[in-house]
C-alpha atoms as a PDB file:
ATOM      1  CA  MET A   1       0.000   0.000   0.000  1.00  0.00           C
ATOM      2  CA  THR A   2       1.356   3.360  -0.971  1.00  0.00           C
ATOM      3  CA  ASN A   3       1.540   5.904   1.800  1.00  0.00           C
ATOM      4  CA  PRO A   4      -0.432   9.106   1.101  1.00  0.00           C
ATOM      5  CA  PRO A   5       1.666  12.088   0.066  1.00  0.00           C
ATOM      6  CA  ARG A   6       2.953  14.075   2.999  1.00  0.00           C
ATOM      7  CA  PRO A   7       1.217  17.479   3.189  1.00  0.00           C
ATOM      8  CA  ARG A   8       3.406  20.534   2.879  1.00  0.00           C
ATOM      9  CA  ARG A   9       3.418  23.098   5.672  1.00  0.00           C
ATOM     10  CA  ASP A  10       1.972  26.503   5.129  1.00  0.00           C
ATOM     11  CA  ALA A  11       4.577  29.152   4.459  1.00  0.00           C
ATOM     12  CA  GLY A  12       4.261  30.579   7.951  1.00  0.00           C
ATOM     13  CA  ILE A  13       6.746  32.415  10.112  1.00  0.00           C
ATOM     14  CA  LEU A  14       8.602  29.203  10.993  1.00  0.00           C
ATOM     15  CA  SER A  15       8.606  27.688   7.510  1.00  0.00           C
ATOM     16  CA  ASP A  16      11.938  29.242   6.571  1.00  0.00           C
ATOM     17  CA  PRO A  17      14.467  27.740   7.087  1.00  0.00           C
ATOM     18  CA  ILE A  18      13.363  24.822   9.335  1.00  0.00           C
ATOM     19  CA  ASP A  19      10.597  23.354   7.093  1.00  0.00           C
ATOM     20  CA  LEU A  20      11.666  19.732   6.681  1.00  0.00           C
ATOM     21  CA  ASP A  21      10.175  19.683   3.178  1.00  0.00           C
ATOM     22  CA  GLY A  22      12.228  22.704   2.235  1.00  0.00           C
ATOM     23  CA  PRO A  23      11.119  26.315   2.000  1.00  0.00           C
ATOM     24  CA  ALA A  24       8.282  27.156  -0.294  1.00  0.00           C
ATOM     25  CA  ARG A  25      10.367  30.032  -1.677  1.00  0.00           C
ATOM     26  CA  PRO A  26      14.051  30.975  -1.606  1.00  0.00           C
ATOM     27  CA  ARG A  27      15.410  32.749   1.498  1.00  0.00           C
ATOM     28  CA  ARG A  28      14.872  36.509   1.254  1.00  0.00           C
ATOM     29  CA  GLN A  29      17.789  38.618   0.169  1.00  0.00           C
ATOM     30  CA  TYR A  30      18.396  41.904   1.981  1.00  0.00           C
ATOM     31  CA  PRO A  31      20.445  44.923   0.893  1.00  0.00           C
ATOM     32  CA  VAL A  32      23.972  44.830   2.265  1.00  0.00           C
ATOM     33  CA  VAL A  33      25.151  47.942   4.140  1.00  0.00           C
ATOM     34  CA  ALA A  34      28.639  48.569   5.505  1.00  0.00           C
ATOM     35  CA  ALA A  35      28.546  49.101   9.281  1.00  0.00           C
ATOM     36  CA  ARG A  36      30.541  52.316   9.283  1.00  0.00           C
ATOM     37  CA  ALA A  37      30.965  54.493  12.347  1.00  0.00           C
ATOM     38  CA  GLY A  38      28.158  57.047  12.580  1.00  0.00           C
ATOM     39  CA  LEU A  39      25.519  54.915  10.826  1.00  0.00           C
ATOM     40  CA  GLN A  40      22.097  55.058  12.529  1.00  0.00           C
ATOM     41  CA  VAL A  41      20.667  51.548  12.948  1.00  0.00           C
ATOM     42  CA  LYS A  42      17.860  49.688  14.701  1.00  0.00           C
ATOM     43  CA  GLN A  43      18.213  46.077  15.768  1.00  0.00           C
ATOM     44  CA  ARG A  44      15.190  44.099  14.611  1.00  0.00           C
ATOM     45  CA  GLY A  45      13.231  42.298  17.265  1.00  0.00           C
ATOM     46  CA  THR A  46      14.440  44.616  20.029  1.00  0.00           C
ATOM     47  CA  PRO A  47      13.783  48.269  20.945  1.00  0.00           C
ATOM     48  CA  ILE A  48      17.489  49.081  20.630  1.00  0.00           C
ATOM     49  CA  SER A  49      18.552  51.741  18.147  1.00  0.00           C
ATOM     50  CA  GLY A  50      21.562  53.997  18.030  1.00  0.00           C
ATOM     51  CA  THR A  51      24.805  54.961  16.343  1.00  0.00           C
ATOM     52  CA  VAL A  52      27.358  52.470  15.092  1.00  0.00           C
ATOM     53  CA  ILE A  53      30.668  52.891  16.898  1.00  0.00           C
ATOM     54  CA  GLY A  54      32.474  50.189  14.960  1.00  0.00           C
ATOM     55  CA  VAL A  55      32.959  46.464  14.504  1.00  0.00           C
ATOM     56  CA  VAL A  56      35.348  44.552  16.754  1.00  0.00           C
ATOM     57  CA  ASN A  57      36.152  40.919  15.958  1.00  0.00           C
ATOM     58  CA  GLY A  58      33.002  40.674  13.885  1.00  0.00           C
ATOM     59  CA  VAL A  59      30.748  42.046  16.628  1.00  0.00           C
ATOM     60  CA  LEU A  60      28.829  45.264  16.005  1.00  0.00           C
ATOM     61  CA  GLN A  61      29.108  47.980  18.649  1.00  0.00           C
ATOM     62  CA  VAL A  62      26.220  50.463  18.905  1.00  0.00           C
ATOM     63  CA  ARG A  63      25.792  53.394  21.283  1.00  0.00           C
ATOM     64  CA  ASP A  64      22.204  54.299  22.123  1.00  0.00           C
ATOM     65  CA  ARG A  65      20.876  57.776  22.960  1.00  0.00           C
ATOM     66  CA  GLN A  66      21.288  57.133  26.670  1.00  0.00           C
ATOM     67  CA  GLY A  67      25.014  56.578  26.204  1.00  0.00           C
ATOM     68  CA  PHE A  68      25.001  52.820  26.723  1.00  0.00           C
ATOM     69  CA  GLU A  69      26.978  50.556  24.418  1.00  0.00           C
ATOM     70  CA  HIS A  70      25.470  47.384  22.978  1.00  0.00           C
ATOM     71  CA  ARG A  71      27.291  44.515  21.267  1.00  0.00           C
ATOM     72  CA  MET A  72      25.326  42.712  18.582  1.00  0.00           C
ATOM     73  CA  ALA A  73      25.795  39.804  16.188  1.00  0.00           C
ATOM     74  CA  MET A  74      25.491  40.933  12.558  1.00  0.00           C
ATOM     75  CA  LEU A  75      22.762  38.504  11.495  1.00  0.00           C
ATOM     76  CA  THR A  76      21.334  38.381   7.989  1.00  0.00           C
ATOM     77  CA  GLY A  77      18.486  40.902   7.801  1.00  0.00           C
ATOM     78  CA  GLY A  78      19.031  41.683  11.463  1.00  0.00           C
ATOM     79  CA  PHE A  79      18.861  45.492  11.274  1.00  0.00           C
ATOM     80  CA  GLU A  80      16.946  48.424   9.873  1.00  0.00           C
ATOM     81  CA  VAL A  81      18.523  51.510   8.307  1.00  0.00           C
ATOM     82  CA  ASP A  82      16.170  54.361   7.370  1.00  0.00           C
ATOM     83  CA  GLY A  83      13.253  51.972   7.848  1.00  0.00           C
ATOM     84  CA  GLN A  84      14.635  49.358   5.418  1.00  0.00           C
ATOM     85  CA  ILE A  85      15.630  45.846   6.501  1.00  0.00           C
ATOM     86  CA  VAL A  86      19.316  45.294   5.752  1.00  0.00           C
ATOM     87  CA  THR A  87      22.239  43.009   6.434  1.00  0.00           C
ATOM     88  CA  LEU A  88      25.180  44.808   8.011  1.00  0.00           C
ATOM     89  CA  VAL A  89      28.690  43.781   7.045  1.00  0.00           C
ATOM     90  CA  VAL A  90      32.193  44.738   8.119  1.00  0.00           C
ATOM     91  CA  PRO A  91      33.238  47.833   6.128  1.00  0.00           C
ATOM     92  CA  ARG A  92      36.196  47.475   3.826  1.00  0.00           C
ATOM     93  CA  GLY A  93      38.377  50.492   3.189  1.00  0.00           C
ATOM     94  CA  PRO A  94      37.388  54.143   3.648  1.00  0.00           C
ATOM     95  CA  ALA A  95      33.866  55.332   2.996  1.00  0.00           C
ATOM     96  CA  PRO A  96      33.221  56.567  -0.555  1.00  0.00           C
ATOM     97  CA  GLY A  97      34.305  60.152  -1.018  1.00  0.00           C
ATOM     98  CA  THR A  98      36.483  60.169   2.105  1.00  0.00           C
ATOM     99  CA  SER A  99      40.197  59.972   2.694  1.00  0.00           C
ATOM    100  CA  GLY A 100      39.807  57.254   5.296  1.00  0.00           C
ATOM    101  CA  THR A 101      40.204  59.713   8.160  1.00  0.00           C
ATOM    102  CA  PRO A 102      38.261  58.504  11.244  1.00  0.00           C
ATOM    103  CA  VAL A 103      34.969  60.262  11.917  1.00  0.00           C
ATOM    104  CA  ALA A 104      35.538  63.182  14.301  1.00  0.00           C
ATOM    105  CA  ARG A 105      33.457  62.928  17.461  1.00  0.00           C
ATOM    106  CA  THR A 106      32.589  65.219  20.311  1.00  0.00           C
ATOM    107  CA  ALA A 107      33.415  64.292  23.909  1.00  0.00           C
ATOM    108  CA  SER A 108      29.868  62.922  24.245  1.00  0.00           C
ATOM    109  CA  GLY A 109      30.445  60.510  21.346  1.00  0.00           C
ATOM    110  CA  SER A 110      28.301  62.403  18.832  1.00  0.00           C
ATOM    111  CA  ILE A 111      29.570  62.997  15.320  1.00  0.00           C
ATOM    112  CA  ALA A 112      31.248  66.399  15.331  1.00  0.00           C
ATOM    113  CA  VAL A 113      29.920  69.144  13.066  1.00  0.00           C
ATOM    114  CA  PRO A 114      33.043  70.988  11.855  1.00  0.00           C
ATOM    115  CA  ASN A 115      32.981  74.789  12.188  1.00  0.00           C
ATOM    116  CA  ALA A 116      29.334  74.736  13.233  1.00  0.00           C
ATOM    117  CA  PRO A 117      28.288  78.091  14.707  1.00  0.00           C
ATOM    118  CA  ALA A 118      26.520  78.070  18.041  1.00  0.00           C
ATOM    119  CA  ARG A 119      22.770  78.054  17.533  1.00  0.00           C
ATOM    120  CA  VAL A 120      20.761  80.966  18.910  1.00  0.00           C
ATOM    121  CA  ALA A 121      19.773  79.909  22.425  1.00  0.00           C
ATOM    122  CA  ARG A 122      16.420  78.198  22.779  1.00  0.00           C
ATOM    123  CA  ALA A 123      13.900  79.346  25.347  1.00  0.00           C
ATOM    124  CA  ALA A 124      14.374  75.937  26.976  1.00  0.00           C
ATOM    125  CA  ARG A 125      17.031  75.476  29.667  1.00  0.00           C
ATOM    126  CA  ILE A 126      18.807  72.757  31.617  1.00  0.00           C
ATOM    127  CA  LEU A 127      19.462  73.444  35.299  1.00  0.00           C
ATOM    128  CA  VAL A 128      22.181  71.730  37.324  1.00  0.00           C
ATOM    129  CA  GLU A 129      22.869  71.953  41.050  1.00  0.00           C
ATOM    130  CA  GLY A 130      26.271  73.612  41.191  1.00  0.00           C
ATOM    131  CA  VAL A 131      29.386  74.830  39.450  1.00  0.00           C
ATOM    132  CA  HIS A 132      31.055  71.402  39.339  1.00  0.00           C
ATOM    133  CA  ASP A 133      27.976  69.881  37.697  1.00  0.00           C
ATOM    134  CA  ALA A 134      27.943  72.697  35.136  1.00  0.00           C
ATOM    135  CA  GLU A 135      31.652  72.302  34.360  1.00  0.00           C
ATOM    136  CA  LEU A 136      31.342  68.532  33.863  1.00  0.00           C
ATOM    137  CA  VAL A 137      28.307  68.858  31.591  1.00  0.00           C
ATOM    138  CA  GLU A 138      30.143  71.529  29.582  1.00  0.00           C
ATOM    139  CA  LYS A 139      33.273  69.382  29.322  1.00  0.00           C
ATOM    140  CA  VAL A 140      31.436  66.394  27.844  1.00  0.00           C
ATOM    141  CA  TRP A 141      28.286  67.781  26.206  1.00  0.00           C
ATOM    142  CA  GLY A 142      29.294  71.375  25.491  1.00  0.00           C
ATOM    143  CA  ASP A 143      29.686  70.939  21.719  1.00  0.00           C
ATOM    144  CA  ASP A 144      26.315  69.207  21.453  1.00  0.00           C
ATOM    145  CA  LEU A 145      24.575  71.851  23.545  1.00  0.00           C
ATOM    146  CA  ARG A 146      25.943  74.704  21.433  1.00  0.00           C
ATOM    147  CA  VAL A 147      24.780  73.030  18.228  1.00  0.00           C
ATOM    148  CA  GLU A 148      21.333  72.517  19.781  1.00  0.00           C
ATOM    149  CA  GLY A 149      21.185  76.007  21.291  1.00  0.00           C
ATOM    150  CA  VAL A 150      20.672  74.772  24.854  1.00  0.00           C
ATOM    151  CA  VAL A 151      21.902  76.853  27.784  1.00  0.00           C
ATOM    152  CA  VAL A 152      22.902  75.215  31.079  1.00  0.00           C
ATOM    153  CA  GLU A 153      22.364  77.253  34.254  1.00  0.00           C
ATOM    154  CA  ARG A 154      23.197  76.655  37.916  1.00  0.00           C
ATOM    155  CA  LEU A 155      20.628  76.168  40.639  1.00  0.00           C
ATOM    156  CA  ASP A 156      23.244  76.586  43.378  1.00  0.00           C
ATOM    157  CA  GLY A 157      21.413  73.994  45.434  1.00  0.00           C
ATOM    158  CA  ALA A 158      18.042  72.300  45.050  1.00  0.00           C
ATOM    159  CA  ASP A 159      16.290  73.754  48.114  1.00  0.00           C
ATOM    160  CA  HIS A 160      14.630  76.534  46.111  1.00  0.00           C
ATOM    161  CA  LEU A 161      13.801  74.365  43.085  1.00  0.00           C
ATOM    162  CA  ASP A 162      10.059  75.073  43.168  1.00  0.00           C
ATOM    163  CA  GLU A 163      10.665  78.822  43.275  1.00  0.00           C
ATOM    164  CA  VAL A 164      13.072  78.645  40.326  1.00  0.00           C
ATOM    165  CA  ILE A 165      10.613  76.612  38.250  1.00  0.00           C
ATOM    166  CA  ARG A 166       7.770  79.054  38.900  1.00  0.00           C
ATOM    167  CA  GLY A 167      10.040  81.965  38.029  1.00  0.00           C
ATOM    168  CA  PHE A 168      11.081  80.324  34.762  1.00  0.00           C
ATOM    169  CA  GLY A 169       7.485  79.743  33.669  1.00  0.00           C
ATOM    170  CA  PRO A 170       7.784  76.485  31.700  1.00  0.00           C
ATOM    171  CA  ARG A 171       5.279  75.917  28.908  1.00  0.00           C
ATOM    172  CA  PRO A 172       5.227  74.301  25.442  1.00  0.00           C
ATOM    173  CA  GLY A 173       8.257  75.571  23.550  1.00  0.00           C
ATOM    174  CA  ARG A 174       9.856  76.681  26.822  1.00  0.00           C
ATOM    175  CA  ARG A 175      10.770  73.423  28.496  1.00  0.00           C
ATOM    176  CA  LEU A 176      12.919  73.029  31.555  1.00  0.00           C
ATOM    177  CA  GLY A 177      15.194  70.099  32.362  1.00  0.00           C
ATOM    178  CA  VAL A 178      16.689  69.674  35.832  1.00  0.00           C
ATOM    179  CA  LEU A 179      19.642  67.477  36.811  1.00  0.00           C
ATOM    180  CA  LEU A 180      19.848  66.619  40.517  1.00  0.00           C
ATOM    181  CA  ASP A 181      22.508  64.879  42.605  1.00  0.00           C
ATOM    182  CA  HIS A 182      21.540  62.008  44.919  1.00  0.00           C
ATOM    183  CA  LEU A 183      18.152  61.432  43.300  1.00  0.00           C
ATOM    184  CA  VAL A 184      17.299  58.237  45.187  1.00  0.00           C
ATOM    185  CA  GLU A 185      14.239  57.076  47.110  1.00  0.00           C
ATOM    186  CA  GLY A 186      13.872  58.884  50.406  1.00  0.00           C
ATOM    187  CA  SER A 187      16.391  61.629  49.683  1.00  0.00           C
ATOM    188  CA  LYS A 188      15.681  65.339  49.987  1.00  0.00           C
ATOM    189  CA  GLU A 189      16.187  65.672  46.232  1.00  0.00           C
ATOM    190  CA  ALA A 190      13.602  62.965  45.545  1.00  0.00           C
ATOM    191  CA  ARG A 191      11.057  64.751  47.754  1.00  0.00           C
ATOM    192  CA  LEU A 192      11.667  68.056  45.968  1.00  0.00           C
ATOM    193  CA  ALA A 193      11.368  66.399  42.561  1.00  0.00           C
ATOM    194  CA  GLY A 194       8.187  64.602  43.583  1.00  0.00           C
ATOM    195  CA  ALA A 195       6.517  67.913  44.401  1.00  0.00           C
ATOM    196  CA  VAL A 196       6.885  69.118  40.795  1.00  0.00           C
ATOM    197  CA  ALA A 197       4.035  68.244  38.428  1.00  0.00           C
ATOM    198  CA  ASN A 198       4.421  70.054  35.118  1.00  0.00           C
ATOM    199  CA  PRO A 199       4.446  68.380  31.680  1.00  0.00           C
ATOM    200  CA  ASP A 200       7.044  70.879  30.470  1.00  0.00           C
ATOM    201  CA  VAL A 201       9.483  70.095  33.289  1.00  0.00           C
ATOM    202  CA  LEU A 202      11.613  66.950  33.428  1.00  0.00           C
ATOM    203  CA  ILE A 203      13.709  66.177  36.495  1.00  0.00           C
ATOM    204  CA  THR A 204      16.354  63.485  36.210  1.00  0.00           C
ATOM    205  CA  GLY A 205      19.444  62.769  38.238  1.00  0.00           C
ATOM    206  CA  HIS A 206      22.035  60.291  39.390  1.00  0.00           C
ATOM    207  CA  PRO A 207      22.313  58.315  42.633  1.00  0.00           C
ATOM    208  CA  PHE A 208      25.644  59.749  43.736  1.00  0.00           C
ATOM    209  CA  VAL A 209      26.030  61.998  46.778  1.00  0.00           C
ATOM    210  CA  ASP A 210      28.201  64.352  44.747  1.00  0.00           C
ATOM    211  CA  ILE A 211      28.922  64.840  41.048  1.00  0.00           C
ATOM    212  CA  TRP A 212      32.531  63.782  41.715  1.00  0.00           C
ATOM    213  CA  GLN A 213      31.285  60.207  42.089  1.00  0.00           C
ATOM    214  CA  ALA A 214      29.814  60.305  38.588  1.00  0.00           C
ATOM    215  CA  VAL A 215      33.388  60.271  37.268  1.00  0.00           C
ATOM    216  CA  LYS A 216      34.625  56.698  37.121  1.00  0.00           C
ATOM    217  CA  PRO A 217      37.205  56.145  39.878  1.00  0.00           C
ATOM    218  CA  ALA A 218      39.426  54.397  37.322  1.00  0.00           C
ATOM    219  CA  THR A 219      40.269  57.814  35.865  1.00  0.00           C
ATOM    220  CA  LEU A 220      42.290  58.329  39.077  1.00  0.00           C
ATOM    221  CA  GLY A 221      43.599  54.793  39.165  1.00  0.00           C
ATOM    222  CA  LEU A 222      41.155  53.847  41.945  1.00  0.00           C
ATOM    223  CA  ALA A 223      39.071  50.693  42.153  1.00  0.00           C
ATOM    224  CA  ALA A 224      36.307  52.642  43.924  1.00  0.00           C
ATOM    225  CA  TRP A 225      35.653  55.962  45.589  1.00  0.00           C
ATOM    226  CA  PRO A 226      36.396  55.917  49.357  1.00  0.00           C
ATOM    227  CA  GLU A 227      33.471  55.211  51.678  1.00  0.00           C
ATOM    228  CA  VAL A 228      32.531  58.241  53.786  1.00  0.00           C
ATOM    229  CA  PRO A 229      30.302  57.720  56.854  1.00  0.00           C
ATOM    230  CA  ARG A 230      26.910  59.392  56.759  1.00  0.00           C
ATOM    231  CA  GLY A 231      26.980  62.779  58.444  1.00  0.00           C
ATOM    232  CA  GLU A 232      30.575  63.522  57.511  1.00  0.00           C
ATOM    233  CA  PRO A 233      31.108  66.100  54.729  1.00  0.00           C
ATOM    234  CA  TRP A 234      31.590  63.936  51.660  1.00  0.00           C
ATOM    235  CA  LYS A 235      34.200  65.919  49.735  1.00  0.00           C
ATOM    236  CA  GLU A 236      36.394  66.506  52.774  1.00  0.00           C
ATOM    237  CA  GLY A 237      36.002  62.872  53.801  1.00  0.00           C
ATOM    238  CA  VAL A 238      37.118  61.663  50.370  1.00  0.00           C
ATOM    239  CA  LEU A 239      40.146  63.929  50.328  1.00  0.00           C
ATOM    240  CA  ALA A 240      41.188  62.832  53.810  1.00  0.00           C
ATOM    241  CA  ARG A 241      40.990  59.163  52.858  1.00  0.00           C
ATOM    242  CA  LEU A 242      42.937  59.773  49.661  1.00  0.00           C
ATOM    243  CA  GLY A 243      45.608  61.702  51.585  1.00  0.00           C
ATOM    244  CA  TYR A 244      45.108  64.772  49.421  1.00  0.00           C
ATOM    245  CA  GLN A 245      46.534  67.941  50.992  1.00  0.00           C
ATOM    246  CA  GLY A 246      45.009  70.605  48.738  1.00  0.00           C
ATOM    247  CA  GLU A 247      41.631  72.304  48.647  1.00  0.00           C
ATOM    248  CA  PRO A 248      38.510  70.605  47.226  1.00  0.00           C
ATOM    249  CA  TRP A 249      38.401  72.980  44.252  1.00  0.00           C
ATOM    250  CA  GLN A 250      42.002  72.083  43.396  1.00  0.00           C
ATOM    251  CA  PHE A 251      41.215  68.371  43.498  1.00  0.00           C
ATOM    252  CA  TRP A 252      38.139  68.950  41.309  1.00  0.00           C
ATOM    253  CA  LYS A 253      40.190  70.737  38.666  1.00  0.00           C
ATOM    254  CA  GLN A 254      42.561  67.769  38.530  1.00  0.00           C
ATOM    255  CA  LEU A 255      39.669  65.302  38.362  1.00  0.00           C
ATOM    256  CA  LEU A 256      37.907  67.276  35.641  1.00  0.00           C
ATOM    257  CA  GLY A 257      41.148  67.346  33.677  1.00  0.00           C
ATOM    258  CA  ARG A 258      41.162  63.547  33.636  1.00  0.00           C
ATOM    259  CA  VAL A 259      37.761  63.462  31.930  1.00  0.00           C
ATOM    260  CA  THR A 260      38.155  63.400  28.156  1.00  0.00           C
ATOM    261  CA  THR A 261      35.007  61.651  26.863  1.00  0.00           C
ATOM    262  CA  TRP A 262      31.678  60.246  28.027  1.00  0.00           C
ATOM    263  CA  THR A 263      33.395  56.891  28.611  1.00  0.00           C
ATOM    264  CA  ASP A 264      35.021  58.398  31.729  1.00  0.00           C
ATOM    265  CA  LEU A 265      31.585  58.881  33.315  1.00  0.00           C
ATOM    266  CA  GLU A 266      29.162  56.515  35.011  1.00  0.00           C
ATOM    267  CA  PRO A 267      26.195  55.372  32.872  1.00  0.00           C
ATOM    268  CA  ALA A 268      23.683  56.808  35.359  1.00  0.00           C
ATOM    269  CA  LEU A 269      24.877  60.350  34.670  1.00  0.00           C
ATOM    270  CA  ILE A 270      25.181  59.810  30.928  1.00  0.00           C
ATOM    271  CA  GLY A 271      21.615  58.562  30.657  1.00  0.00           C
ATOM    272  CA  ALA A 272      20.240  61.396  32.784  1.00  0.00           C
ATOM    273  CA  VAL A 273      21.909  64.160  30.764  1.00  0.00           C
ATOM    274  CA  GLU A 274      21.044  62.601  27.390  1.00  0.00           C
ATOM    275  CA  GLN A 275      17.411  62.312  28.498  1.00  0.00           C
ATOM    276  CA  LEU A 276      17.314  66.000  29.429  1.00  0.00           C
ATOM    277  CA  ILE A 277      18.839  67.064  26.106  1.00  0.00           C
ATOM    278  CA  ASP A 278      16.248  65.013  24.231  1.00  0.00           C
ATOM    279  CA  PHE A 279      13.436  66.512  26.308  1.00  0.00           C
ATOM    280  CA  VAL A 280      14.334  70.195  25.935  1.00  0.00           C
ATOM    281  CA  THR A 281      15.108  69.878  22.198  1.00  0.00           C
ATOM    282  CA  GLU A 282      12.008  67.890  21.247  1.00  0.00           C
ATOM    283  CA  PRO A 283      10.061  69.791  18.584  1.00  0.00           C
ATOM    284  CA  THR A 284       6.870  71.450  19.754  1.00  0.00           C
ATOM    285  CA  PRO A 285       3.784  69.709  18.240  1.00  0.00           C
ATOM    286  CA  GLY A 286       2.060  71.754  15.591  1.00  0.00           C
END
């Protein structure tokens, strides 16, 4: 007796390539795109999108808007570029029309815009707690902020945050971003932030007691920042445990001088600042 013919599977989502009878149609072919530094990509099947940093040992490195780096396998049809599904490949030689010179980047990792004039300042602002916060943001994000026309101003402490916000008068087209130190559950900063309810104000921050801690201790050759008991002035406590004989402002200048790019900072600060920049530069609807 002859066995009945084996039915073919429908050409569903799992029919290619594991259909035991063979695919009903050839595997799809996707455009091939060189994964050059600066290319904007989205990884299919995940929410991750960002800028290609490069390819190391066949693994794609992508930096997202929050400053985090992701390593990805370059699968066939695994990415989207300008909304089109593509296959990324290792670039060979310099990009067309270039001399092979590496892409110039700002300290924040963005592609530099040569000779770009500073944009006329937006009505929007970013507020930071003190002078050290302002200097660090300027050191890493200054080029980006000038291109975007965003001014950073000092709060000189968060105690009068509500008063400053009311005086600024945030509204559509006049957004306010605020970066706070020690923004953790139960902190004074968290209570102040929780009292603000305005759609045109975004408050972000980092968990560190002081902005110094947002600089990776490895920039000073340290495994970690010294532990300072609660109630003891943090800066002075750190300096004492490091055996530093100078003034806090002198130490800060040396620490700031060690910061060259965003990679010298902790991810919590990077994400907070990038989020504020996105918020205050978002186009006004209509």
